[in-house]
Amino acid sequence: QLAALSTTALNSLASDRVRSITTSSIAGLTTLQASKLTSDIARQLTSVQVARLTTSAINSFSTDSISKITSDAIAALSTAQLAAMASTRAQVLASDQVRALTSQKLNALGSINISVLSSDAVGALGTDKIAALTSSNAAVLTLSQISALGSDQIGAFSSAAISTFGTDEIRGLTATQARGLTSAQLGAMSTSLIAALTTEELAVMTSDQIRGITSAGLNTLTTDEVQSITTAGVKGLTFANLQAMSTDRLTAFTNAQTESIQAVLALSTDQLATLTGF
């Protein structure tokens, strides 16, 4: 019986002996045995064995041992095991281990564990995993974790998920990341999130992206932010956008921006007359 083995004897088992431990025996691994298990032994555990570990045993593994379990074995953990994983163990999961989890299992980790994943682990997630993140799990991503994401990953968040970001996270996006935002994401953002966009972020946005920003959002932009939008970017503005914009926002447009808008919208004299300050 495995439970009868001393920790010294357990850690002395050869690789083939470790892999031959039955699932019923591994289920009886005590918390003391688990806490003393070396990373070398942890690395030998099979997917079937890891799937039968109790949550108490998993949370008794040393952080070094947890990080050495193969990615296939980590992927075999159930949603219940992952949901019960201690944050001290979740925070040491390696990139390949996290990447191996299905979308369902990734979300099963829960917001506390998601928030402590390493930036490298979050940065290694595929766009399919990013797209499947629940709003509650996306909401806890830190600035450091988000900074590890590429533009494709940023664009993969659901509109509901990215709307849970804080103003610091939106403000902290690089120009490259901001270029990945979709018009749907921008349209779903609150006015406070749009107000957090920087001139550097707005300057790389295409006309499609600018078109996605609501009129209320456009009215939160400062003069410098309005003027940072390129002449190509302002072509995304609609007449309805312009009608809803405040006078101080309209007068903030540069001559080049105004000419670009007029050229695209082909505004009539009467339409221009309705736009105070344009």
Protein backbone atom coordinates (compact mmCIF):
# COMPACT_ATOMS: atom_id res chain seq x y z
CA GLN A 1 0.00 0.00 0.00
CA LEU A 2 1.32 3.43 -1.01
CA ALA A 3 0.08 5.09 2.16
CA ALA A 4 2.30 2.77 4.20
CA LEU A 5 5.49 3.89 2.44
CA SER A 6 7.72 6.35 4.22
CA THR A 7 8.45 9.57 2.37
CA THR A 8 12.04 8.42 1.94
CA ALA A 9 10.95 5.12 0.41
CA LEU A 10 8.45 6.87 -1.83
CA ASN A 11 11.05 9.27 -3.17
CA SER A 12 13.43 6.38 -3.77
CA LEU A 13 11.11 4.63 -6.23
CA ALA A 14 12.44 4.14 -9.73
CA SER A 15 10.60 5.81 -12.59
CA ASP A 16 8.91 2.60 -13.75
CA ARG A 17 7.73 1.90 -10.21
CA VAL A 18 6.25 5.38 -9.92
CA ARG A 19 4.34 5.02 -13.18
CA SER A 20 3.04 1.62 -12.11
CA ILE A 21 1.33 2.93 -8.98
CA THR A 22 -2.36 2.14 -9.35
CA THR A 23 -4.97 4.87 -9.40
CA SER A 24 -6.59 3.50 -6.26
CA SER A 25 -3.23 3.67 -4.49
CA ILE A 26 -2.40 7.20 -5.71
CA ALA A 27 -5.80 8.34 -4.45
CA GLY A 28 -4.60 7.35 -1.00
CA LEU A 29 -1.47 9.51 -1.10
CA THR A 30 -1.34 11.30 2.23
CA THR A 31 -0.81 15.03 2.57
CA LEU A 32 2.48 14.33 4.37
CA GLN A 33 3.70 12.14 1.51
CA ALA A 34 2.57 14.73 -1.03
CA SER A 35 4.34 17.52 0.81
CA LYS A 36 7.63 15.61 0.77
CA LEU A 37 7.36 14.38 -2.81
CA THR A 38 10.36 15.50 -4.84
CA SER A 39 10.00 17.26 -8.15
CA ASP A 40 11.70 14.28 -9.83
CA ILE A 41 8.94 11.96 -8.63
CA ALA A 42 6.22 14.50 -9.48
CA ARG A 43 7.55 14.64 -13.03
CA GLN A 44 7.02 10.87 -13.39
CA LEU A 45 3.34 10.91 -12.45
CA THR A 46 1.03 10.01 -15.31
CA SER A 47 -2.11 11.84 -16.40
CA VAL A 48 -4.30 9.05 -15.05
CA GLN A 49 -2.55 9.17 -11.67
CA VAL A 50 -2.72 12.96 -11.32
CA ALA A 51 -6.42 12.90 -12.18
CA ARG A 52 -7.00 10.68 -9.11
CA LEU A 53 -5.11 12.82 -6.59
CA THR A 54 -7.19 14.34 -3.84
CA THR A 55 -7.36 18.13 -3.70
CA SER A 56 -5.67 18.00 -0.31
CA ALA A 57 -2.75 16.08 -1.80
CA ILE A 58 -2.46 18.50 -4.73
CA ASN A 59 -2.36 21.49 -2.42
CA SER A 60 0.27 19.74 -0.27
CA PHE A 61 2.72 19.40 -3.16
CA SER A 62 5.62 21.80 -2.93
CA THR A 63 5.52 24.64 -5.43
CA ASP A 64 8.56 23.15 -7.14
CA SER A 65 6.86 19.76 -7.50
CA ILE A 66 3.65 21.32 -8.87
CA SER A 67 5.61 23.18 -11.52
CA LYS A 68 7.33 19.96 -12.62
CA ILE A 69 4.20 17.90 -13.26
CA THR A 70 3.93 17.36 -17.01
CA SER A 71 1.55 19.56 -18.97
CA ASP A 72 -0.41 16.48 -20.08
CA ALA A 73 -0.91 15.49 -16.46
CA ILE A 74 -2.01 19.00 -15.46
CA ALA A 75 -4.45 18.96 -18.37
CA ALA A 76 -5.95 15.77 -16.88
CA LEU A 77 -6.99 17.55 -13.68
CA SER A 78 -10.73 17.88 -13.35
CA THR A 79 -12.55 21.21 -13.11
CA ALA A 80 -13.22 20.37 -9.45
CA GLN A 81 -9.53 19.78 -8.75
CA LEU A 82 -8.58 23.02 -10.48
CA ALA A 83 -11.26 25.02 -8.70
CA ALA A 84 -9.92 23.74 -5.37
CA MET A 85 -6.28 24.47 -6.20
CA ALA A 86 -4.64 26.84 -3.75
CA SER A 87 -3.48 30.15 -5.22
CA THR A 88 0.04 29.42 -3.94
CA ARG A 89 0.07 26.43 -6.27
CA ALA A 90 -1.66 28.14 -9.19
CA GLN A 91 0.88 30.95 -9.23
CA VAL A 92 3.75 28.56 -10.02
CA LEU A 93 2.05 26.80 -12.92
CA ALA A 94 4.35 26.97 -15.92
CA SER A 95 3.35 28.40 -19.29
CA ASP A 96 3.08 24.99 -20.94
CA GLN A 97 0.94 23.69 -18.07
CA VAL A 98 -1.55 26.57 -18.32
CA ARG A 99 -1.57 26.44 -22.11
CA ALA A 100 -2.51 22.73 -21.93
CA LEU A 101 -5.76 23.45 -20.06
CA THR A 102 -8.97 23.54 -22.04
CA SER A 103 -10.99 26.75 -21.96
CA GLN A 104 -13.42 25.17 -19.52
CA LYS A 105 -10.63 24.08 -17.19
CA LEU A 106 -8.86 27.42 -17.42
CA ASN A 107 -12.02 29.18 -16.30
CA ALA A 108 -12.47 26.58 -13.57
CA LEU A 109 -9.34 27.92 -11.87
CA GLY A 110 -11.47 30.86 -10.79
CA SER A 111 -10.71 34.54 -10.47
CA ILE A 112 -8.34 34.28 -7.51
CA ASN A 113 -6.12 31.75 -9.26
CA ILE A 114 -6.35 33.54 -12.61
CA SER A 115 -5.13 36.72 -10.95
CA VAL A 116 -1.95 35.06 -9.68
CA LEU A 117 -0.91 33.24 -12.86
CA SER A 118 2.46 34.39 -14.09
CA SER A 119 2.56 36.93 -16.90
CA ASP A 120 4.41 34.38 -19.02
CA ALA A 121 1.61 31.86 -18.50
CA VAL A 122 -1.09 34.37 -19.46
CA GLY A 123 0.97 35.53 -22.43
CA ALA A 124 1.19 31.94 -23.68
CA LEU A 125 -2.58 31.52 -23.92
CA GLY A 126 -4.00 31.03 -27.40
CA THR A 127 -6.61 33.42 -28.75
CA ASP A 128 -9.25 30.71 -28.35
CA LYS A 129 -8.56 30.55 -24.61
CA ILE A 130 -8.60 34.35 -24.34
CA ALA A 131 -11.91 34.51 -26.21
CA ALA A 132 -13.43 31.97 -23.83
CA LEU A 133 -12.41 33.75 -20.61
CA THR A 134 -15.43 34.67 -18.55
CA SER A 135 -15.97 38.31 -17.69
CA SER A 136 -15.31 37.61 -14.00
CA ASN A 137 -11.97 35.98 -14.81
CA ALA A 138 -10.96 38.67 -17.30
CA ALA A 139 -11.78 41.33 -14.72
CA VAL A 140 -8.98 40.20 -12.39
CA LEU A 141 -6.18 40.23 -14.95
CA THR A 142 -3.42 42.52 -13.79
CA LEU A 143 -1.62 45.19 -15.75
CA SER A 144 1.46 42.97 -15.77
CA GLN A 145 -0.49 40.01 -17.16
CA ILE A 146 -2.20 42.13 -19.83
CA SER A 147 1.15 43.64 -20.82
CA ALA A 148 2.28 40.15 -21.83
CA LEU A 149 -0.47 39.85 -24.45
CA GLY A 150 -0.08 40.53 -28.15
CA SER A 151 -2.47 42.52 -30.32
CA ASP A 152 -4.23 39.37 -31.57
CA GLN A 153 -4.84 38.26 -28.01
CA ILE A 154 -6.19 41.69 -27.03
CA GLY A 155 -8.56 41.54 -29.98
CA ALA A 156 -9.72 38.07 -28.95
CA PHE A 157 -11.37 39.16 -25.69
CA SER A 158 -15.14 39.22 -25.83
CA SER A 159 -16.62 42.70 -25.68
CA ALA A 160 -18.14 41.85 -22.31
CA ALA A 161 -14.79 40.65 -20.96
CA ILE A 162 -12.71 43.62 -22.06
CA SER A 163 -15.35 45.97 -20.66
CA THR A 164 -14.40 44.69 -17.20
CA PHE A 165 -10.87 46.07 -17.53
CA GLY A 166 -9.96 48.98 -15.30
CA THR A 167 -8.91 52.38 -16.58
CA ASP A 168 -5.30 51.65 -15.63
CA GLU A 169 -5.33 48.53 -17.80
CA ILE A 170 -6.77 50.40 -20.79
CA ARG A 171 -4.37 53.28 -20.31
CA GLY A 172 -1.51 50.82 -20.00
CA LEU A 173 -2.03 49.21 -23.40
CA THR A 174 0.82 49.76 -25.82
CA ALA A 175 0.13 51.27 -29.21
CA THR A 176 0.58 47.82 -30.75
CA GLN A 177 -1.95 46.31 -28.36
CA ALA A 178 -4.41 49.16 -28.95
CA ARG A 179 -4.19 48.46 -32.67
CA GLY A 180 -5.65 45.04 -31.87
CA LEU A 181 -8.82 46.38 -30.26
CA THR A 182 -11.90 45.67 -32.34
CA SER A 183 -14.65 48.15 -33.12
CA ALA A 184 -17.07 45.94 -31.16
CA GLN A 185 -14.83 46.05 -28.09
CA LEU A 186 -14.49 49.82 -28.31
CA GLY A 187 -18.23 50.18 -28.74
CA ALA A 188 -18.86 48.15 -25.59
CA MET A 189 -16.48 50.18 -23.43
CA SER A 190 -17.84 52.59 -20.87
CA THR A 191 -17.15 56.29 -21.24
CA SER A 192 -14.60 56.05 -18.42
CA LEU A 193 -12.64 53.41 -20.34
CA ILE A 194 -12.73 55.46 -23.56
CA ALA A 195 -11.58 58.47 -21.57
CA ALA A 196 -8.60 56.38 -20.41
CA LEU A 197 -7.32 55.92 -23.98
CA THR A 198 -4.08 57.78 -24.54
CA THR A 199 -3.05 59.89 -27.51
CA GLU A 200 -0.58 57.15 -28.47
CA GLU A 201 -3.36 54.58 -28.53
CA LEU A 202 -5.80 56.76 -30.48
CA ALA A 203 -3.12 57.67 -33.00
CA VAL A 204 -2.83 54.08 -34.27
CA MET A 205 -6.55 53.41 -34.58
CA THR A 206 -8.12 52.81 -37.96
CA SER A 207 -11.35 54.33 -39.21
CA ASP A 208 -13.18 51.10 -38.31
CA GLN A 209 -11.96 51.34 -34.73
CA ILE A 210 -12.90 55.02 -34.41
CA ARG A 211 -16.33 54.20 -35.86
CA GLY A 212 -16.83 51.75 -33.02
CA ILE A 213 -16.51 54.40 -30.30
CA THR A 214 -19.88 55.71 -29.17
CA SER A 215 -20.73 59.40 -29.39
CA ALA A 216 -20.75 59.54 -25.60
CA GLY A 217 -17.27 58.06 -25.61
CA LEU A 218 -16.03 60.57 -28.18
CA ASN A 219 -17.23 63.37 -25.95
CA THR A 220 -14.90 62.23 -23.17
CA LEU A 221 -11.79 62.83 -25.30
CA THR A 222 -9.61 65.82 -24.58
CA THR A 223 -8.48 68.26 -27.25
CA ASP A 224 -5.11 66.55 -27.52
CA GLU A 225 -6.77 63.15 -27.81
CA VAL A 226 -9.16 64.33 -30.53
CA GLN A 227 -6.26 65.80 -32.46
CA SER A 228 -4.20 62.63 -32.08
CA ILE A 229 -6.62 60.69 -34.30
CA THR A 230 -5.14 60.48 -37.78
CA THR A 231 -6.82 61.93 -40.84
CA ALA A 232 -7.45 58.33 -41.90
CA GLY A 233 -8.92 57.50 -38.51
CA VAL A 234 -11.44 60.37 -38.44
CA LYS A 235 -12.95 59.00 -41.64
CA GLY A 236 -14.70 56.51 -39.42
CA LEU A 237 -16.83 59.23 -37.84
CA THR A 238 -20.44 59.38 -38.93
CA PHE A 239 -22.67 62.42 -39.26
CA ALA A 240 -24.59 61.16 -36.22
CA ASN A 241 -21.30 61.11 -34.27
CA LEU A 242 -20.62 64.71 -35.24
CA GLN A 243 -24.13 65.84 -34.34
CA ALA A 244 -23.76 64.31 -30.88
CA MET A 245 -20.32 65.78 -30.22
CA SER A 246 -20.04 68.86 -28.06
CA THR A 247 -18.90 72.16 -29.55
CA ASP A 248 -15.53 72.05 -27.81
CA ARG A 249 -14.87 68.60 -29.28
CA LEU A 250 -15.85 69.70 -32.77
CA THR A 251 -13.66 72.78 -32.61
CA ALA A 252 -10.76 70.61 -31.48
CA PHE A 253 -10.44 69.03 -34.93
CA THR A 254 -7.50 70.29 -36.94
CA ASN A 255 -8.00 71.69 -40.43
CA ALA A 256 -6.59 68.48 -41.92
CA GLN A 257 -9.00 66.35 -39.87
CA THR A 258 -11.94 68.54 -40.83
CA GLU A 259 -11.09 68.33 -44.52
CA SER A 260 -10.81 64.54 -44.24
CA ILE A 261 -14.20 64.26 -42.55
CA GLN A 262 -15.89 66.56 -45.07
CA ALA A 263 -14.40 64.65 -47.98
CA VAL A 264 -15.70 61.32 -46.74
CA LEU A 265 -19.13 62.44 -45.58
CA ALA A 266 -19.66 64.89 -48.43
CA LEU A 267 -21.41 67.21 -46.01
CA SER A 268 -23.85 69.66 -47.49
CA THR A 269 -23.92 73.34 -46.51
CA ASP A 270 -27.08 72.70 -44.48
CA GLN A 271 -25.48 69.78 -42.64
CA LEU A 272 -22.42 71.83 -41.87
CA ALA A 273 -24.65 74.57 -40.51
CA THR A 274 -26.11 72.17 -37.96
CA LEU A 275 -22.66 71.42 -36.56
CA THR A 276 -21.90 74.29 -34.23
CA GLY A 277 -18.22 75.09 -34.30
CA PHE A 278 -17.33 72.63 -37.05
